[in-house]
Amino acid sequence: MLGWAIGVVAKADARLCRYCVIGALLPDLDSISYPFGAAAYEKYHHALGHNVFTGLLFCAAATVHCRSWKALGLSLLCFGSHLLADAWLSAWVQYLFWPFSHKGYVFANALELAHPVNLHLVCFGMAMVLALALLYKRTPIALFSPALDRLVVSAFSRAAAACHVCGRKTNLACAGCAKPICSRHGVVTRGWTVRCPDCLPGKNSGA
């Protein structure tokens, strides 16, 4: 939720938003050690993924792929936010310079993971995602399907246009002719795009 919020507030495009979310989640990649037993989990969790070298590699990849300095700043912020939150809100020791150093780092006044404040933060995060959807007209659905995200957002957005078929207020537009179309006359086609009756696939092909 934090990675998504950072990307949205920074007005990152869809690609960079994905990197923001990945960066906020990436440190927990070391949780793959869990199936190998308690000893492996204790040794590698908060070491393999929670270190500056993993962070630098990720930030370099995001910067090269997105070709912008903005990607460098946001990927660094999102990856770092995970480390900071863990150090303060989970009391887990983090090995920031692993594998070259096994010195652990944690805040002296860190809260336990089961502390009530963490539950409150989860609830706040959910409310934050909803608030961002209202303010920025974007939801996490956009990470997987921008077209579906537009449909979801349109459900609670103010209708500012008039359907070219019936004149009904709408905020949808046909993916074929770009004319406004309401939910009554528009048809959702493959890829979650909306088309008016005249632009449906096969309409003008004699099918």
N, C-alpha and C. Protein backbone atom coordinates (compact mmCIF):
# COMPACT_ATOMS: atom_id res chain seq x y z
N MET A 1 0.82 -1.21 0.00
CA MET A 1 0.00 0.00 0.00
C MET A 1 0.85 1.26 0.00
N LEU A 2 1.97 1.22 0.73
CA LEU A 2 2.83 2.39 0.80
C LEU A 2 3.52 2.65 -0.54
N GLY A 3 3.99 1.59 -1.19
CA GLY A 3 4.62 1.74 -2.48
C GLY A 3 3.66 2.31 -3.52
N TRP A 4 2.43 1.81 -3.50
CA TRP A 4 1.41 2.31 -4.42
C TRP A 4 1.13 3.79 -4.14
N ALA A 5 0.99 4.14 -2.88
CA ALA A 5 0.69 5.53 -2.52
C ALA A 5 1.81 6.46 -2.97
N ILE A 6 3.04 6.06 -2.80
CA ILE A 6 4.18 6.89 -3.21
C ILE A 6 4.14 7.12 -4.72
N GLY A 7 3.88 6.05 -5.46
CA GLY A 7 3.83 6.16 -6.91
C GLY A 7 2.71 7.06 -7.39
N VAL A 8 1.55 6.92 -6.79
CA VAL A 8 0.38 7.71 -7.22
C VAL A 8 0.58 9.19 -6.89
N VAL A 9 0.98 9.47 -5.67
CA VAL A 9 1.18 10.87 -5.26
C VAL A 9 2.27 11.53 -6.11
N ALA A 10 3.28 10.75 -6.50
CA ALA A 10 4.36 11.29 -7.34
C ALA A 10 3.96 11.35 -8.80
N LYS A 11 2.73 10.93 -9.11
CA LYS A 11 2.19 10.93 -10.48
C LYS A 11 3.06 10.12 -11.43
N ALA A 12 3.49 8.96 -10.94
CA ALA A 12 4.29 8.05 -11.77
C ALA A 12 3.39 7.36 -12.78
N ASP A 13 3.94 7.04 -13.95
CA ASP A 13 3.16 6.33 -14.95
C ASP A 13 2.98 4.87 -14.51
N ALA A 14 2.25 4.09 -15.31
CA ALA A 14 1.91 2.72 -14.92
C ALA A 14 3.16 1.87 -14.68
N ARG A 15 4.15 2.02 -15.56
CA ARG A 15 5.37 1.21 -15.42
C ARG A 15 6.10 1.55 -14.12
N LEU A 16 6.28 2.83 -13.86
CA LEU A 16 7.01 3.25 -12.66
C LEU A 16 6.23 2.91 -11.40
N CYS A 17 4.89 2.98 -11.47
CA CYS A 17 4.08 2.59 -10.31
C CYS A 17 4.31 1.13 -9.96
N ARG A 18 4.45 0.29 -10.98
CA ARG A 18 4.74 -1.13 -10.72
C ARG A 18 6.06 -1.28 -9.99
N TYR A 19 7.06 -0.51 -10.42
CA TYR A 19 8.35 -0.57 -9.74
C TYR A 19 8.25 -0.06 -8.31
N CYS A 20 7.41 0.93 -8.07
CA CYS A 20 7.23 1.43 -6.70
C CYS A 20 6.66 0.33 -5.80
N VAL A 21 5.67 -0.38 -6.30
CA VAL A 21 5.06 -1.45 -5.51
C VAL A 21 6.05 -2.61 -5.33
N ILE A 22 6.74 -2.98 -6.41
CA ILE A 22 7.73 -4.06 -6.31
C ILE A 22 8.81 -3.68 -5.32
N GLY A 23 9.27 -2.43 -5.37
CA GLY A 23 10.32 -2.00 -4.46
C GLY A 23 9.91 -2.07 -3.00
N ALA A 24 8.64 -1.74 -2.73
CA ALA A 24 8.16 -1.79 -1.35
C ALA A 24 7.98 -3.21 -0.85
N LEU A 25 7.84 -4.16 -1.78
CA LEU A 25 7.64 -5.56 -1.40
C LEU A 25 8.92 -6.39 -1.49
N LEU A 26 9.84 -5.96 -2.34
CA LEU A 26 11.02 -6.77 -2.67
C LEU A 26 11.83 -7.26 -1.48
N PRO A 27 12.06 -6.46 -0.43
CA PRO A 27 12.88 -6.97 0.67
C PRO A 27 12.37 -8.29 1.25
N ASP A 28 11.06 -8.50 1.22
CA ASP A 28 10.52 -9.74 1.78
C ASP A 28 10.69 -10.94 0.86
N LEU A 29 11.45 -10.74 -0.24
CA LEU A 29 11.80 -11.88 -1.08
C LEU A 29 12.53 -12.94 -0.27
N ASP A 30 13.26 -12.51 0.76
CA ASP A 30 14.00 -13.48 1.56
C ASP A 30 13.11 -14.38 2.40
N SER A 31 11.80 -14.14 2.36
CA SER A 31 10.87 -15.04 3.05
C SER A 31 10.78 -16.41 2.38
N ILE A 32 11.37 -16.53 1.18
CA ILE A 32 11.39 -17.84 0.51
C ILE A 32 12.20 -18.86 1.31
N SER A 33 12.95 -18.37 2.29
CA SER A 33 13.71 -19.29 3.13
C SER A 33 12.82 -20.03 4.13
N TYR A 34 11.60 -19.58 4.31
CA TYR A 34 10.72 -20.17 5.33
C TYR A 34 10.47 -21.67 5.14
N PRO A 35 10.18 -22.15 3.91
CA PRO A 35 9.92 -23.58 3.73
C PRO A 35 11.12 -24.48 4.06
N PHE A 36 12.31 -23.89 4.18
CA PHE A 36 13.51 -24.68 4.45
C PHE A 36 13.80 -24.81 5.94
N GLY A 37 12.86 -24.38 6.76
CA GLY A 37 13.00 -24.58 8.19
C GLY A 37 13.29 -23.31 8.97
N ALA A 38 13.12 -23.42 10.29
CA ALA A 38 13.28 -22.25 11.16
C ALA A 38 14.70 -21.70 11.13
N ALA A 39 15.68 -22.60 11.04
CA ALA A 39 17.07 -22.15 11.06
C ALA A 39 17.40 -21.32 9.81
N ALA A 40 16.93 -21.78 8.66
CA ALA A 40 17.17 -21.05 7.41
C ALA A 40 16.44 -19.72 7.42
N TYR A 41 15.22 -19.73 7.94
CA TYR A 41 14.44 -18.50 8.00
C TYR A 41 15.11 -17.48 8.91
N GLU A 42 15.58 -17.94 10.04
CA GLU A 42 16.25 -17.06 11.01
C GLU A 42 17.55 -16.49 10.42
N LYS A 43 18.21 -17.28 9.58
CA LYS A 43 19.50 -16.87 9.03
C LYS A 43 19.36 -15.90 7.87
N TYR A 44 18.38 -16.15 7.00
CA TYR A 44 18.30 -15.38 5.77
C TYR A 44 17.20 -14.31 5.74
N HIS A 45 16.16 -14.48 6.57
CA HIS A 45 15.12 -13.46 6.58
C HIS A 45 15.67 -12.17 7.18
N HIS A 46 15.43 -11.07 6.50
CA HIS A 46 15.97 -9.76 6.86
C HIS A 46 17.48 -9.68 6.61
N ALA A 47 17.96 -10.55 5.74
CA ALA A 47 19.36 -10.50 5.33
C ALA A 47 19.45 -10.50 3.80
N LEU A 48 18.94 -11.54 3.17
CA LEU A 48 19.04 -11.69 1.73
C LEU A 48 18.37 -10.55 0.96
N GLY A 49 17.21 -10.11 1.43
CA GLY A 49 16.51 -9.03 0.75
C GLY A 49 16.62 -7.69 1.43
N HIS A 50 16.85 -7.70 2.73
CA HIS A 50 16.89 -6.46 3.50
C HIS A 50 18.30 -5.91 3.62
N ASN A 51 18.93 -5.64 2.49
CA ASN A 51 20.27 -5.07 2.54
C ASN A 51 20.44 -4.05 1.43
N VAL A 52 21.41 -3.18 1.59
CA VAL A 52 21.58 -2.06 0.66
C VAL A 52 21.99 -2.52 -0.72
N PHE A 53 22.64 -3.67 -0.83
CA PHE A 53 23.10 -4.13 -2.15
C PHE A 53 21.93 -4.61 -3.01
N THR A 54 20.98 -5.31 -2.39
CA THR A 54 19.76 -5.68 -3.11
C THR A 54 19.02 -4.42 -3.54
N GLY A 55 18.97 -3.45 -2.64
CA GLY A 55 18.30 -2.20 -2.95
C GLY A 55 18.95 -1.46 -4.11
N LEU A 56 20.27 -1.41 -4.14
CA LEU A 56 20.97 -0.71 -5.21
C LEU A 56 20.77 -1.39 -6.55
N LEU A 57 20.80 -2.71 -6.56
CA LEU A 57 20.56 -3.46 -7.81
C LEU A 57 19.16 -3.20 -8.33
N PHE A 58 18.19 -3.20 -7.41
CA PHE A 58 16.81 -2.94 -7.82
C PHE A 58 16.66 -1.52 -8.37
N CYS A 59 17.21 -0.55 -7.68
CA CYS A 59 17.10 0.84 -8.11
C CYS A 59 17.77 1.05 -9.47
N ALA A 60 18.89 0.38 -9.69
CA ALA A 60 19.56 0.48 -10.99
C ALA A 60 18.68 -0.09 -12.09
N ALA A 61 18.04 -1.23 -11.83
CA ALA A 61 17.16 -1.86 -12.81
C ALA A 61 15.97 -0.96 -13.12
N ALA A 62 15.38 -0.37 -12.09
CA ALA A 62 14.23 0.51 -12.29
C ALA A 62 14.62 1.74 -13.10
N THR A 63 15.79 2.30 -12.81
CA THR A 63 16.25 3.51 -13.50
C THR A 63 16.51 3.23 -14.97
N VAL A 64 17.16 2.10 -15.26
CA VAL A 64 17.48 1.75 -16.65
C VAL A 64 16.21 1.43 -17.43
N HIS A 65 15.30 0.68 -16.80
CA HIS A 65 14.08 0.27 -17.49
C HIS A 65 13.16 1.47 -17.76
N CYS A 66 13.04 2.36 -16.78
CA CYS A 66 12.16 3.52 -16.93
C CYS A 66 12.85 4.72 -17.57
N ARG A 67 14.19 4.67 -17.62
CA ARG A 67 14.98 5.71 -18.26
C ARG A 67 14.68 7.10 -17.68
N SER A 68 14.72 7.19 -16.36
CA SER A 68 14.48 8.49 -15.74
C SER A 68 15.11 8.53 -14.35
N TRP A 69 15.54 9.73 -13.95
CA TRP A 69 16.06 9.92 -12.61
C TRP A 69 14.94 9.85 -11.58
N LYS A 70 13.73 10.15 -12.03
CA LYS A 70 12.58 10.04 -11.13
C LYS A 70 12.42 8.60 -10.67
N ALA A 71 12.67 7.66 -11.57
CA ALA A 71 12.59 6.24 -11.22
C ALA A 71 13.61 5.88 -10.15
N LEU A 72 14.79 6.46 -10.25
CA LEU A 72 15.82 6.21 -9.25
C LEU A 72 15.36 6.69 -7.88
N GLY A 73 14.84 7.91 -7.82
CA GLY A 73 14.41 8.46 -6.54
C GLY A 73 13.25 7.69 -5.92
N LEU A 74 12.24 7.37 -6.75
CA LEU A 74 11.06 6.69 -6.22
C LEU A 74 11.37 5.25 -5.84
N SER A 75 12.17 4.55 -6.63
CA SER A 75 12.50 3.16 -6.29
C SER A 75 13.32 3.10 -5.01
N LEU A 76 14.22 4.06 -4.84
CA LEU A 76 15.01 4.13 -3.61
C LEU A 76 14.11 4.42 -2.41
N LEU A 77 13.18 5.35 -2.59
CA LEU A 77 12.26 5.70 -1.51
C LEU A 77 11.38 4.52 -1.12
N CYS A 78 10.86 3.80 -2.10
CA CYS A 78 9.96 2.68 -1.81
C CYS A 78 10.69 1.52 -1.16
N PHE A 79 11.87 1.19 -1.69
CA PHE A 79 12.66 0.11 -1.07
C PHE A 79 13.06 0.50 0.34
N GLY A 80 13.52 1.73 0.50
CA GLY A 80 13.95 2.19 1.82
C GLY A 80 12.81 2.27 2.82
N SER A 81 11.59 2.56 2.32
CA SER A 81 10.45 2.65 3.24
C SER A 81 10.17 1.31 3.91
N HIS A 82 10.42 0.22 3.18
CA HIS A 82 10.22 -1.11 3.76
C HIS A 82 11.23 -1.36 4.88
N LEU A 83 12.48 -1.04 4.61
CA LEU A 83 13.52 -1.25 5.63
C LEU A 83 13.25 -0.40 6.86
N LEU A 84 12.86 0.84 6.64
CA LEU A 84 12.59 1.74 7.76
C LEU A 84 11.39 1.26 8.58
N ALA A 85 10.33 0.83 7.88
CA ALA A 85 9.14 0.35 8.59
C ALA A 85 9.46 -0.90 9.40
N ASP A 86 10.25 -1.81 8.81
CA ASP A 86 10.61 -3.03 9.53
C ASP A 86 11.45 -2.72 10.77
N ALA A 87 12.39 -1.80 10.62
CA ALA A 87 13.28 -1.47 11.74
C ALA A 87 12.53 -0.80 12.87
N TRP A 88 11.47 -0.11 12.56
CA TRP A 88 10.73 0.64 13.58
C TRP A 88 9.49 -0.10 14.07
N LEU A 89 8.85 -0.85 13.18
CA LEU A 89 7.54 -1.41 13.51
C LEU A 89 7.50 -2.93 13.62
N SER A 90 8.64 -3.59 13.52
CA SER A 90 8.62 -5.05 13.67
C SER A 90 9.65 -5.56 14.66
N ALA A 91 10.63 -4.71 14.99
CA ALA A 91 11.70 -5.07 15.92
C ALA A 91 12.57 -6.20 15.39
N TRP A 92 12.49 -6.48 14.09
CA TRP A 92 13.37 -7.47 13.48
C TRP A 92 14.72 -6.82 13.21
N VAL A 93 15.78 -7.52 13.57
CA VAL A 93 17.13 -7.05 13.27
C VAL A 93 17.37 -7.19 11.77
N GLN A 94 17.93 -6.16 11.15
CA GLN A 94 18.21 -6.18 9.72
C GLN A 94 19.71 -6.13 9.48
N TYR A 95 20.14 -6.95 8.53
CA TYR A 95 21.57 -7.04 8.22
C TYR A 95 21.83 -6.25 6.94
N LEU A 96 21.96 -4.95 7.10
CA LEU A 96 21.98 -4.03 5.97
C LEU A 96 23.16 -4.22 5.03
N PHE A 97 24.25 -4.77 5.51
CA PHE A 97 25.44 -4.91 4.65
C PHE A 97 25.80 -6.37 4.42
N TRP A 98 24.80 -7.26 4.60
CA TRP A 98 24.99 -8.68 4.29
C TRP A 98 25.23 -8.81 2.79
N PRO A 99 26.09 -9.69 2.32
CA PRO A 99 26.82 -10.74 3.07
C PRO A 99 28.21 -10.32 3.56
N PHE A 100 28.56 -9.04 3.39
CA PHE A 100 29.91 -8.60 3.78
C PHE A 100 30.01 -8.30 5.27
N SER A 101 28.86 -8.10 5.91
CA SER A 101 28.85 -7.86 7.35
C SER A 101 27.62 -8.51 7.96
N HIS A 102 27.78 -9.09 9.10
CA HIS A 102 26.66 -9.74 9.80
C HIS A 102 26.19 -8.92 11.00
N LYS A 103 26.54 -7.65 11.00
CA LYS A 103 26.08 -6.76 12.05
C LYS A 103 24.62 -6.41 11.81
N GLY A 104 23.79 -6.55 12.86
CA GLY A 104 22.38 -6.27 12.74
C GLY A 104 22.03 -4.85 13.19
N TYR A 105 20.97 -4.30 12.56
CA TYR A 105 20.53 -2.95 12.89
C TYR A 105 19.04 -2.95 13.20
N VAL A 106 18.67 -2.23 14.26
CA VAL A 106 17.26 -2.07 14.62
C VAL A 106 17.16 -0.87 15.55
N PHE A 107 16.02 -0.18 15.52
CA PHE A 107 15.84 0.95 16.41
C PHE A 107 15.71 0.46 17.86
N ALA A 108 16.28 1.21 18.77
CA ALA A 108 16.24 0.82 20.18
C ALA A 108 14.81 0.80 20.72
N ASN A 109 13.97 1.69 20.22
CA ASN A 109 12.58 1.77 20.70
C ASN A 109 11.59 1.15 19.71
N ALA A 110 12.06 0.17 18.94
CA ALA A 110 11.21 -0.46 17.91
C ALA A 110 10.01 -1.17 18.54
N LEU A 111 8.89 -1.13 17.83
CA LEU A 111 7.67 -1.81 18.29
C LEU A 111 7.63 -3.23 17.77
N GLU A 112 7.01 -4.12 18.53
CA GLU A 112 6.84 -5.49 18.08
C GLU A 112 5.83 -5.55 16.94
N LEU A 113 5.95 -6.56 16.09
CA LEU A 113 5.04 -6.70 14.96
C LEU A 113 3.59 -6.82 15.40
N ALA A 114 3.35 -7.42 16.57
CA ALA A 114 1.99 -7.61 17.07
C ALA A 114 1.44 -6.37 17.78
N HIS A 115 2.19 -5.30 17.82
CA HIS A 115 1.72 -4.08 18.51
C HIS A 115 0.47 -3.54 17.83
N PRO A 116 -0.50 -3.07 18.60
CA PRO A 116 -1.76 -2.56 18.01
C PRO A 116 -1.58 -1.47 16.97
N VAL A 117 -0.50 -0.70 17.05
CA VAL A 117 -0.30 0.38 16.09
C VAL A 117 -0.17 -0.16 14.67
N ASN A 118 0.34 -1.39 14.53
CA ASN A 118 0.48 -1.97 13.20
C ASN A 118 -0.88 -2.30 12.59
N LEU A 119 -1.81 -2.75 13.41
CA LEU A 119 -3.17 -3.00 12.92
C LEU A 119 -3.83 -1.69 12.49
N HIS A 120 -3.61 -0.65 13.28
CA HIS A 120 -4.16 0.66 12.94
C HIS A 120 -3.58 1.18 11.62
N LEU A 121 -2.29 0.91 11.40
CA LEU A 121 -1.64 1.36 10.17
C LEU A 121 -2.18 0.62 8.95
N VAL A 122 -2.50 -0.67 9.13
CA VAL A 122 -3.10 -1.44 8.02
C VAL A 122 -4.45 -0.85 7.65
N CYS A 123 -5.26 -0.54 8.65
CA CYS A 123 -6.58 0.06 8.40
C CYS A 123 -6.42 1.43 7.75
N PHE A 124 -5.44 2.21 8.22
CA PHE A 124 -5.18 3.51 7.63
C PHE A 124 -4.75 3.37 6.18
N GLY A 125 -3.93 2.35 5.91
CA GLY A 125 -3.45 2.13 4.55
C GLY A 125 -4.59 1.82 3.60
N MET A 126 -5.56 1.02 4.03
CA MET A 126 -6.71 0.71 3.20
C MET A 126 -7.53 1.97 2.91
N ALA A 127 -7.71 2.78 3.94
CA ALA A 127 -8.44 4.04 3.76
C ALA A 127 -7.66 4.98 2.82
N MET A 128 -6.34 4.93 2.91
CA MET A 128 -5.50 5.78 2.07
C MET A 128 -5.63 5.39 0.60
N VAL A 129 -5.67 4.10 0.31
CA VAL A 129 -5.83 3.64 -1.07
C VAL A 129 -7.16 4.11 -1.63
N LEU A 130 -8.21 4.05 -0.82
CA LEU A 130 -9.52 4.52 -1.26
C LEU A 130 -9.50 6.03 -1.50
N ALA A 131 -8.87 6.76 -0.60
CA ALA A 131 -8.79 8.21 -0.75
C ALA A 131 -8.01 8.60 -2.01
N LEU A 132 -6.95 7.87 -2.30
CA LEU A 132 -6.17 8.15 -3.51
C LEU A 132 -6.97 7.84 -4.76
N ALA A 133 -7.82 6.82 -4.68
CA ALA A 133 -8.67 6.50 -5.83
C ALA A 133 -9.63 7.65 -6.11
N LEU A 134 -10.13 8.27 -5.07
CA LEU A 134 -11.06 9.39 -5.23
C LEU A 134 -10.34 10.65 -5.72
N LEU A 135 -9.13 10.87 -5.20
CA LEU A 135 -8.40 12.10 -5.53
C LEU A 135 -7.67 12.02 -6.86
N TYR A 136 -7.05 10.87 -7.13
CA TYR A 136 -6.21 10.75 -8.32
C TYR A 136 -6.82 9.88 -9.42
N LYS A 137 -8.00 9.33 -9.16
CA LYS A 137 -8.69 8.49 -10.14
C LYS A 137 -7.83 7.30 -10.59
N ARG A 138 -7.17 6.68 -9.62
CA ARG A 138 -6.35 5.49 -9.92
C ARG A 138 -6.49 4.53 -8.75
N THR A 139 -6.56 3.24 -9.06
CA THR A 139 -6.61 2.20 -8.03
C THR A 139 -5.50 1.19 -8.33
N PRO A 140 -5.18 0.32 -7.37
CA PRO A 140 -4.15 -0.70 -7.62
C PRO A 140 -4.50 -1.66 -8.74
N ILE A 141 -5.75 -1.68 -9.18
CA ILE A 141 -6.13 -2.52 -10.31
C ILE A 141 -5.32 -2.14 -11.54
N ALA A 142 -4.90 -0.88 -11.63
CA ALA A 142 -4.13 -0.39 -12.77
C ALA A 142 -2.80 -1.12 -12.92
N LEU A 143 -2.32 -1.74 -11.85
CA LEU A 143 -1.07 -2.50 -11.93
C LEU A 143 -1.20 -3.68 -12.87
N PHE A 144 -2.43 -4.20 -12.98
CA PHE A 144 -2.66 -5.39 -13.80
C PHE A 144 -3.43 -5.08 -15.08
N SER A 145 -4.35 -4.11 -15.01
CA SER A 145 -5.16 -3.77 -16.18
C SER A 145 -5.60 -2.31 -16.10
N PRO A 146 -4.89 -1.42 -16.79
CA PRO A 146 -5.30 -0.01 -16.79
C PRO A 146 -6.71 0.19 -17.33
N ALA A 147 -7.11 -0.63 -18.31
CA ALA A 147 -8.46 -0.49 -18.88
C ALA A 147 -9.53 -0.83 -17.85
N LEU A 148 -9.33 -1.91 -17.10
CA LEU A 148 -10.28 -2.27 -16.06
C LEU A 148 -10.30 -1.22 -14.95
N ASP A 149 -9.14 -0.66 -14.65
CA ASP A 149 -9.06 0.39 -13.65
C ASP A 149 -9.91 1.59 -14.06
N ARG A 150 -9.86 1.96 -15.33
CA ARG A 150 -10.66 3.08 -15.80
C ARG A 150 -12.16 2.81 -15.64
N LEU A 151 -12.56 1.56 -15.87
CA LEU A 151 -13.97 1.20 -15.69
C LEU A 151 -14.38 1.32 -14.23
N VAL A 152 -13.52 0.83 -13.34
CA VAL A 152 -13.83 0.88 -11.91
C VAL A 152 -13.91 2.32 -11.43
N VAL A 153 -12.94 3.13 -11.84
CA VAL A 153 -12.92 4.53 -11.42
C VAL A 153 -14.12 5.29 -11.96
N SER A 154 -14.55 4.95 -13.17
CA SER A 154 -15.69 5.65 -13.77
C SER A 154 -16.97 5.46 -12.97
N ALA A 155 -17.02 4.36 -12.20
CA ALA A 155 -18.23 4.08 -11.42
C ALA A 155 -18.47 5.11 -10.33
N PHE A 156 -17.40 5.77 -9.85
CA PHE A 156 -17.60 6.78 -8.80
C PHE A 156 -17.03 8.13 -9.21
N SER A 157 -16.95 8.35 -10.52
CA SER A 157 -16.50 9.65 -11.02
C SER A 157 -17.69 10.44 -11.56
N ARG A 158 -17.59 11.74 -11.49
CA ARG A 158 -18.67 12.60 -11.98
C ARG A 158 -18.78 12.52 -13.49
N ALA A 159 -19.99 12.29 -13.99
CA ALA A 159 -20.22 12.21 -15.43
C ALA A 159 -20.22 13.62 -16.01
N ALA A 160 -19.34 13.86 -16.99
CA ALA A 160 -19.20 15.21 -17.54
C ALA A 160 -19.55 15.30 -19.02
N ALA A 161 -19.86 14.17 -19.65
CA ALA A 161 -20.18 14.17 -21.08
C ALA A 161 -21.58 13.60 -21.30
N ALA A 162 -22.03 13.67 -22.53
CA ALA A 162 -23.36 13.14 -22.87
C ALA A 162 -23.21 12.03 -23.89
N CYS A 163 -23.86 10.91 -23.62
CA CYS A 163 -23.81 9.75 -24.52
C CYS A 163 -24.28 10.17 -25.91
N HIS A 164 -23.52 9.80 -26.94
CA HIS A 164 -23.87 10.22 -28.29
C HIS A 164 -25.05 9.42 -28.86
N VAL A 165 -25.50 8.40 -28.12
CA VAL A 165 -26.65 7.62 -28.56
C VAL A 165 -27.94 8.14 -27.95
N CYS A 166 -27.92 8.38 -26.63
CA CYS A 166 -29.15 8.77 -25.95
C CYS A 166 -29.06 10.09 -25.20
N GLY A 167 -27.88 10.66 -25.07
CA GLY A 167 -27.73 11.92 -24.37
C GLY A 167 -27.59 11.79 -22.87
N ARG A 168 -27.58 10.57 -22.37
CA ARG A 168 -27.45 10.33 -20.93
C ARG A 168 -26.04 10.72 -20.47
N LYS A 169 -25.96 11.29 -19.26
CA LYS A 169 -24.67 11.70 -18.71
C LYS A 169 -23.75 10.49 -18.54
N THR A 170 -22.47 10.66 -18.89
CA THR A 170 -21.52 9.56 -18.81
C THR A 170 -20.10 10.11 -18.71
N ASN A 171 -19.18 9.27 -18.26
CA ASN A 171 -17.77 9.61 -18.30
C ASN A 171 -16.98 8.55 -19.05
N LEU A 172 -17.69 7.70 -19.80
CA LEU A 172 -17.07 6.67 -20.61
C LEU A 172 -16.95 7.15 -22.05
N ALA A 173 -16.00 6.60 -22.76
CA ALA A 173 -15.83 6.92 -24.17
C ALA A 173 -15.55 5.64 -24.94
N CYS A 174 -16.04 5.57 -26.16
CA CYS A 174 -15.84 4.40 -27.01
C CYS A 174 -14.37 4.29 -27.39
N ALA A 175 -13.81 3.09 -27.27
CA ALA A 175 -12.41 2.87 -27.61
C ALA A 175 -12.18 2.92 -29.12
N GLY A 176 -13.27 2.82 -29.89
CA GLY A 176 -13.14 2.85 -31.33
C GLY A 176 -13.22 4.25 -31.92
N CYS A 177 -14.30 4.97 -31.63
CA CYS A 177 -14.51 6.29 -32.22
C CYS A 177 -14.27 7.43 -31.24
N ALA A 178 -14.04 7.10 -29.96
CA ALA A 178 -13.76 8.09 -28.91
C ALA A 178 -14.97 8.93 -28.54
N LYS A 179 -16.15 8.60 -29.06
CA LYS A 179 -17.35 9.35 -28.70
C LYS A 179 -17.85 8.93 -27.33
N PRO A 180 -18.45 9.84 -26.56
CA PRO A 180 -18.99 9.47 -25.24
C PRO A 180 -20.06 8.40 -25.40
N ILE A 181 -20.06 7.45 -24.49
CA ILE A 181 -21.05 6.37 -24.53
C ILE A 181 -21.42 6.00 -23.11
N CYS A 182 -22.70 5.81 -22.83
CA CYS A 182 -23.12 5.48 -21.47
C CYS A 182 -23.06 3.97 -21.24
N SER A 183 -23.20 3.57 -19.99
CA SER A 183 -23.13 2.15 -19.64
C SER A 183 -24.30 1.37 -20.22
N ARG A 184 -25.39 2.04 -20.54
CA ARG A 184 -26.56 1.37 -21.10
C ARG A 184 -26.32 0.97 -22.56
N HIS A 185 -25.62 1.80 -23.30
CA HIS A 185 -25.40 1.52 -24.72
C HIS A 185 -23.99 1.03 -25.03
N GLY A 186 -23.07 1.25 -24.12
CA GLY A 186 -21.71 0.76 -24.33
C GLY A 186 -21.60 -0.72 -24.00
N VAL A 187 -20.68 -1.39 -24.68
CA VAL A 187 -20.45 -2.82 -24.47
C VAL A 187 -18.99 -3.02 -24.07
N VAL A 188 -18.77 -3.73 -22.97
CA VAL A 188 -17.41 -4.03 -22.54
C VAL A 188 -16.90 -5.20 -23.36
N THR A 189 -15.82 -4.98 -24.10
CA THR A 189 -15.27 -6.01 -24.97
C THR A 189 -13.97 -6.57 -24.39
N ARG A 190 -13.32 -7.39 -25.16
CA ARG A 190 -12.08 -8.03 -24.71
C ARG A 190 -11.04 -6.96 -24.34
N GLY A 191 -10.35 -7.17 -23.26
CA GLY A 191 -9.37 -6.20 -22.79
C GLY A 191 -9.97 -5.10 -21.96
N TRP A 192 -11.25 -5.29 -21.56
CA TRP A 192 -11.96 -4.34 -20.71
C TRP A 192 -12.12 -2.96 -21.37
N THR A 193 -12.19 -2.93 -22.69
CA THR A 193 -12.45 -1.68 -23.39
C THR A 193 -13.96 -1.55 -23.63
N VAL A 194 -14.41 -0.31 -23.72
CA VAL A 194 -15.83 -0.03 -23.95
C VAL A 194 -16.01 0.45 -25.39
N ARG A 195 -17.01 -0.11 -26.07
CA ARG A 195 -17.29 0.28 -27.45
C ARG A 195 -18.78 0.56 -27.62
N CYS A 196 -19.05 1.50 -28.50
CA CYS A 196 -20.44 1.80 -28.81
C CYS A 196 -20.96 0.77 -29.82
N PRO A 197 -22.26 0.68 -30.04
CA PRO A 197 -22.81 -0.33 -30.96
C PRO A 197 -22.21 -0.28 -32.36
N ASP A 198 -21.85 0.92 -32.84
CA ASP A 198 -21.31 1.05 -34.19
C ASP A 198 -19.88 0.55 -34.31
N CYS A 199 -19.17 0.44 -33.19
CA CYS A 199 -17.75 0.07 -33.23
C CYS A 199 -17.48 -1.32 -32.67
N LEU A 200 -18.52 -2.11 -32.50
CA LEU A 200 -18.32 -3.47 -32.00
C LEU A 200 -17.56 -4.30 -33.03
N PRO A 201 -16.68 -5.21 -32.59
CA PRO A 201 -15.94 -6.05 -33.54
C PRO A 201 -16.90 -6.81 -34.45
N GLY A 202 -16.66 -6.76 -35.78
CA GLY A 202 -17.49 -7.48 -36.73
C GLY A 202 -18.71 -6.70 -37.19
N LYS A 203 -18.89 -5.50 -36.62
CA LYS A 203 -20.09 -4.73 -36.95
C LYS A 203 -20.11 -4.34 -38.41
N ASN A 204 -18.91 -3.95 -38.92
CA ASN A 204 -18.84 -3.49 -40.31
C ASN A 204 -18.17 -4.49 -41.25
N SER A 205 -18.05 -5.74 -40.77
CA SER A 205 -17.38 -6.74 -41.60
C SER A 205 -18.34 -7.72 -42.24
N GLY A 206 -19.65 -7.49 -42.05
CA GLY A 206 -20.61 -8.39 -42.63
C GLY A 206 -20.90 -9.59 -41.77
N ALA A 207 -20.32 -9.66 -40.56
CA ALA A 207 -20.52 -10.81 -39.69
C ALA A 207 -21.93 -10.78 -39.11
